[in-house]
Amino acid sequence: MSNTEFIYMAVIAAPREKVWEALTTAEFTQQYWHRTLVQSDYRKGSAIEFVTADGEVGVRGEILRSQYPAELSYSWQFLRMDETSGDAPSRVTFRLEALDVGTRLVVIHDRLEGAARTAEMVTFGWPHVICGLKTLLETDSAIDFSLAKAS
């Protein structure tokens, strides 16, 4: 792994159709992903936006690949902060592999060349987001770890 590529893997005790739904449905994403609502029709070439509670578009991208329920990939441009809004779009890919105990989820965030601040943010942020997703699906209890503060 380099500073231009982030890879994270988790095993989630839920079928991959449910993991896909939690990654692609605003009802789920608002519970564990910075309180954002994901919006897209998930067709190749379509827009994807992550809309904050106050209606601001925090992330915008384009669907690059959508193969239900195995793989989803889209471009990613973090618009919420001045220091990242000018970065070139990067790419996020989710790979979902069915296991007898649930789903192996691999998150790859790459094409981060020349986007040091975005790379820093996603390296810290993805583990929090995926931990929230895993907790929600396995316990039916939402925790947005991205909002956690050290004690």
C-alpha atoms as a PDB file:
ATOM      1  CA  MET A   1       0.000   0.000   0.000  1.00  0.00           C
ATOM      2  CA  SER A   2       1.306   3.456  -0.850  1.00  0.00           C
ATOM      3  CA  ASN A   3       0.073   6.958  -0.225  1.00  0.00           C
ATOM      4  CA  THR A   4      -1.693   6.770  -3.601  1.00  0.00           C
ATOM      5  CA  GLU A   5      -3.651   3.619  -2.773  1.00  0.00           C
ATOM      6  CA  PHE A   6      -5.631   2.579   0.297  1.00  0.00           C
ATOM      7  CA  ILE A   7      -6.841  -1.017   0.761  1.00  0.00           C
ATOM      8  CA  TYR A   8      -9.039  -2.183   3.626  1.00  0.00           C
ATOM      9  CA  MET A   9     -10.648  -5.583   4.173  1.00  0.00           C
ATOM     10  CA  ALA A  10     -13.358  -6.636   6.599  1.00  0.00           C
ATOM     11  CA  VAL A  11     -15.460  -9.743   7.040  1.00  0.00           C
ATOM     12  CA  ILE A  12     -19.075  -8.942   7.805  1.00  0.00           C
ATOM     13  CA  ALA A  13     -21.553 -11.489   9.135  1.00  0.00           C
ATOM     14  CA  ALA A  14     -24.237 -10.581   6.596  1.00  0.00           C
ATOM     15  CA  PRO A  15     -25.004 -11.725   3.045  1.00  0.00           C
ATOM     16  CA  ARG A  16     -23.392  -9.640   0.332  1.00  0.00           C
ATOM     17  CA  GLU A  17     -26.796  -8.472  -0.955  1.00  0.00           C
ATOM     18  CA  LYS A  18     -27.344  -6.842   2.437  1.00  0.00           C
ATOM     19  CA  VAL A  19     -23.834  -5.333   2.436  1.00  0.00           C
ATOM     20  CA  TRP A  20     -24.486  -3.949  -1.056  1.00  0.00           C
ATOM     21  CA  GLU A  21     -27.776  -2.452   0.139  1.00  0.00           C
ATOM     22  CA  ALA A  22     -26.030  -0.827   3.108  1.00  0.00           C
ATOM     23  CA  LEU A  23     -23.399   0.701   0.797  1.00  0.00           C
ATOM     24  CA  THR A  24     -25.910   2.007  -1.751  1.00  0.00           C
ATOM     25  CA  THR A  25     -29.002   3.063   0.182  1.00  0.00           C
ATOM     26  CA  ALA A  26     -29.405   6.436   1.895  1.00  0.00           C
ATOM     27  CA  GLU A  27     -31.456   4.813   4.674  1.00  0.00           C
ATOM     28  CA  PHE A  28     -28.314   2.904   5.679  1.00  0.00           C
ATOM     29  CA  THR A  29     -25.508   5.344   4.826  1.00  0.00           C
ATOM     30  CA  GLN A  30     -26.945   8.129   6.959  1.00  0.00           C
ATOM     31  CA  GLN A  31     -26.615   5.838   9.982  1.00  0.00           C
ATOM     32  CA  TYR A  32     -22.888   5.082   9.753  1.00  0.00           C
ATOM     33  CA  TRP A  33     -21.266   7.312   7.101  1.00  0.00           C
ATOM     34  CA  HIS A  34     -20.884  10.862   8.422  1.00  0.00           C
ATOM     35  CA  ARG A  35     -24.692  11.160   8.407  1.00  0.00           C
ATOM     36  CA  THR A  36     -24.644  11.449   4.622  1.00  0.00           C
ATOM     37  CA  LEU A  37     -27.290  10.301   2.193  1.00  0.00           C
ATOM     38  CA  VAL A  38     -25.896   8.494  -0.838  1.00  0.00           C
ATOM     39  CA  GLN A  39     -27.777   9.261  -4.041  1.00  0.00           C
ATOM     40  CA  SER A  40     -27.382   7.412  -7.358  1.00  0.00           C
ATOM     41  CA  ASP A  41     -29.166   4.995  -9.660  1.00  0.00           C
ATOM     42  CA  TYR A  42     -25.899   2.965  -9.828  1.00  0.00           C
ATOM     43  CA  ARG A  43     -25.811   2.702 -13.613  1.00  0.00           C
ATOM     44  CA  LYS A  44     -22.433   3.080 -15.308  1.00  0.00           C
ATOM     45  CA  GLY A  45     -21.890   6.757 -16.145  1.00  0.00           C
ATOM     46  CA  SER A  46     -24.460   7.993 -13.621  1.00  0.00           C
ATOM     47  CA  ALA A  47     -23.650  10.526 -10.937  1.00  0.00           C
ATOM     48  CA  ILE A  48     -23.218   9.601  -7.292  1.00  0.00           C
ATOM     49  CA  GLU A  49     -23.437  12.172  -4.509  1.00  0.00           C
ATOM     50  CA  PHE A  50     -23.072  12.054  -0.754  1.00  0.00           C
ATOM     51  CA  VAL A  51     -25.352  14.739   0.641  1.00  0.00           C
ATOM     52  CA  THR A  52     -24.843  16.026   4.179  1.00  0.00           C
ATOM     53  CA  ALA A  53     -27.643  16.672   6.675  1.00  0.00           C
ATOM     54  CA  ASP A  54     -27.614  20.373   5.746  1.00  0.00           C
ATOM     55  CA  GLY A  55     -28.020  19.596   2.012  1.00  0.00           C
ATOM     56  CA  GLU A  56     -24.374  20.157   1.018  1.00  0.00           C
ATOM     57  CA  VAL A  57     -22.778  17.750  -1.454  1.00  0.00           C
ATOM     58  CA  GLY A  58     -19.751  16.408   0.420  1.00  0.00           C
ATOM     59  CA  VAL A  59     -18.582  13.929  -2.229  1.00  0.00           C
ATOM     60  CA  ARG A  60     -19.408  13.734  -5.903  1.00  0.00           C
ATOM     61  CA  GLY A  61     -18.428  11.139  -8.467  1.00  0.00           C
ATOM     62  CA  GLU A  62     -19.434   8.993 -11.415  1.00  0.00           C
ATOM     63  CA  ILE A  63     -20.328   5.304 -11.402  1.00  0.00           C
ATOM     64  CA  LEU A  64     -17.527   3.450 -13.192  1.00  0.00           C
ATOM     65  CA  ARG A  65     -18.692  -0.141 -12.618  1.00  0.00           C
ATOM     66  CA  SER A  66     -21.775  -1.607 -10.991  1.00  0.00           C
ATOM     67  CA  GLN A  67     -22.019  -5.378 -10.878  1.00  0.00           C
ATOM     68  CA  TYR A  68     -24.634  -6.275  -8.267  1.00  0.00           C
ATOM     69  CA  PRO A  69     -23.841  -7.656  -5.701  1.00  0.00           C
ATOM     70  CA  ALA A  70     -20.139  -8.272  -6.381  1.00  0.00           C
ATOM     71  CA  GLU A  71     -18.433  -4.992  -7.290  1.00  0.00           C
ATOM     72  CA  LEU A  72     -19.103  -1.277  -7.235  1.00  0.00           C
ATOM     73  CA  SER A  73     -16.651   1.378  -8.372  1.00  0.00           C
ATOM     74  CA  TYR A  74     -16.989   5.132  -8.685  1.00  0.00           C
ATOM     75  CA  SER A  75     -14.881   8.226  -8.950  1.00  0.00           C
ATOM     76  CA  TRP A  76     -14.571  10.279  -5.781  1.00  0.00           C
ATOM     77  CA  GLN A  77     -14.081  14.001  -5.366  1.00  0.00           C
ATOM     78  CA  PHE A  78     -14.185  15.288  -1.806  1.00  0.00           C
ATOM     79  CA  LEU A  79     -15.792  18.743  -2.087  1.00  0.00           C
ATOM     80  CA  ARG A  80     -16.446  19.541   1.553  1.00  0.00           C
ATOM     81  CA  MET A  81     -13.092  21.178   2.317  1.00  0.00           C
ATOM     82  CA  ASP A  82     -11.182  23.845   0.390  1.00  0.00           C
ATOM     83  CA  GLU A  83      -7.916  21.872   0.643  1.00  0.00           C
ATOM     84  CA  THR A  84      -9.452  18.815  -1.099  1.00  0.00           C
ATOM     85  CA  SER A  85     -12.049  20.322  -3.435  1.00  0.00           C
ATOM     86  CA  GLY A  86      -9.408  21.066  -6.077  1.00  0.00           C
ATOM     87  CA  ASP A  87      -7.962  17.543  -6.032  1.00  0.00           C
ATOM     88  CA  ALA A  88      -8.451  15.442  -9.141  1.00  0.00           C
ATOM     89  CA  PRO A  89     -11.076  12.721  -8.712  1.00  0.00           C
ATOM     90  CA  SER A  90      -9.806   9.466  -7.230  1.00  0.00           C
ATOM     91  CA  ARG A  91     -11.489   6.053  -7.406  1.00  0.00           C
ATOM     92  CA  VAL A  92     -13.271   3.884  -4.829  1.00  0.00           C
ATOM     93  CA  THR A  93     -13.930   0.197  -5.490  1.00  0.00           C
ATOM     94  CA  PHE A  94     -15.901  -2.169  -3.273  1.00  0.00           C
ATOM     95  CA  ARG A  95     -15.477  -5.891  -3.870  1.00  0.00           C
ATOM     96  CA  LEU A  96     -17.934  -8.184  -2.112  1.00  0.00           C
ATOM     97  CA  GLU A  97     -17.156 -11.887  -1.917  1.00  0.00           C
ATOM     98  CA  ALA A  98     -19.717 -14.314  -0.529  1.00  0.00           C
ATOM     99  CA  LEU A  99     -18.437 -16.486   2.319  1.00  0.00           C
ATOM    100  CA  ASP A 100     -20.215 -19.234   4.215  1.00  0.00           C
ATOM    101  CA  VAL A 101     -20.216 -16.907   7.254  1.00  0.00           C
ATOM    102  CA  GLY A 102     -21.106 -13.667   5.456  1.00  0.00           C
ATOM    103  CA  THR A 103     -19.206 -11.328   3.138  1.00  0.00           C
ATOM    104  CA  ARG A 104     -15.585 -10.378   2.626  1.00  0.00           C
ATOM    105  CA  LEU A 105     -15.614  -6.675   1.788  1.00  0.00           C
ATOM    106  CA  VAL A 106     -12.522  -5.170   0.222  1.00  0.00           C
ATOM    107  CA  VAL A 107     -12.359  -1.392  -0.169  1.00  0.00           C
ATOM    108  CA  ILE A 108      -9.768  -0.009  -2.570  1.00  0.00           C
ATOM    109  CA  HIS A 109      -9.347   3.743  -2.819  1.00  0.00           C
ATOM    110  CA  ASP A 110      -6.756   4.550  -5.460  1.00  0.00           C
ATOM    111  CA  ARG A 111      -5.720   7.130  -8.049  1.00  0.00           C
ATOM    112  CA  LEU A 112      -4.710   9.450  -5.210  1.00  0.00           C
ATOM    113  CA  GLU A 113      -1.608  10.812  -6.964  1.00  0.00           C
ATOM    114  CA  GLY A 114      -1.253  14.515  -6.252  1.00  0.00           C
ATOM    115  CA  ALA A 115      -4.039  14.427  -3.658  1.00  0.00           C
ATOM    116  CA  ALA A 116      -2.095  14.174  -0.390  1.00  0.00           C
ATOM    117  CA  ARG A 117      -4.811  15.670   1.827  1.00  0.00           C
ATOM    118  CA  THR A 118      -7.555  13.498   0.302  1.00  0.00           C
ATOM    119  CA  ALA A 119      -5.289  10.445   0.757  1.00  0.00           C
ATOM    120  CA  GLU A 120      -4.716  11.374   4.400  1.00  0.00           C
ATOM    121  CA  MET A 121      -8.436  11.798   5.019  1.00  0.00           C
ATOM    122  CA  VAL A 122      -9.517   8.512   3.412  1.00  0.00           C
ATOM    123  CA  THR A 123      -6.741   6.551   5.132  1.00  0.00           C
ATOM    124  CA  PHE A 124      -8.121   7.703   8.467  1.00  0.00           C
ATOM    125  CA  GLY A 125     -11.780   7.732   7.424  1.00  0.00           C
ATOM    126  CA  TRP A 126     -12.370   4.388   5.698  1.00  0.00           C
ATOM    127  CA  PRO A 127     -11.741   2.210   8.782  1.00  0.00           C
ATOM    128  CA  HIS A 128     -14.290   4.286  10.724  1.00  0.00           C
ATOM    129  CA  VAL A 129     -16.884   4.037   7.945  1.00  0.00           C
ATOM    130  CA  ILE A 130     -16.455   0.281   7.456  1.00  0.00           C
ATOM    131  CA  CYS A 131     -16.525  -0.375  11.226  1.00  0.00           C
ATOM    132  CA  GLY A 132     -19.829   1.486  11.354  1.00  0.00           C
ATOM    133  CA  LEU A 133     -21.190  -0.533   8.430  1.00  0.00           C
ATOM    134  CA  LYS A 134     -20.088  -3.817  10.028  1.00  0.00           C
ATOM    135  CA  THR A 135     -21.572  -2.884  13.418  1.00  0.00           C
ATOM    136  CA  LEU A 136     -24.893  -1.851  11.870  1.00  0.00           C
ATOM    137  CA  LEU A 137     -25.265  -5.034   9.835  1.00  0.00           C
ATOM    138  CA  GLU A 138     -24.155  -7.403  12.591  1.00  0.00           C
ATOM    139  CA  THR A 139     -25.951  -5.833  15.551  1.00  0.00           C
ATOM    140  CA  ASP A 140     -28.764  -3.832  13.943  1.00  0.00           C
ATOM    141  CA  SER A 141     -27.463  -0.914  15.996  1.00  0.00           C
ATOM    142  CA  ALA A 142     -26.013   2.149  14.289  1.00  0.00           C
ATOM    143  CA  ILE A 143     -22.783   3.699  15.463  1.00  0.00           C
ATOM    144  CA  ASP A 144     -21.168   6.392  13.336  1.00  0.00           C
ATOM    145  CA  PHE A 145     -17.527   5.824  14.297  1.00  0.00           C
ATOM    146  CA  SER A 146     -16.524   8.725  12.062  1.00  0.00           C
ATOM    147  CA  LEU A 147     -17.939  11.037  14.733  1.00  0.00           C
ATOM    148  CA  ALA A 148     -16.034   9.376  17.598  1.00  0.00           C
ATOM    149  CA  LYS A 149     -13.812  11.501  19.798  1.00  0.00           C
ATOM    150  CA  ALA A 150     -10.829  10.236  21.756  1.00  0.00           C
ATOM    151  CA  SER A 151     -11.351  10.248  25.503  1.00  0.00           C
END
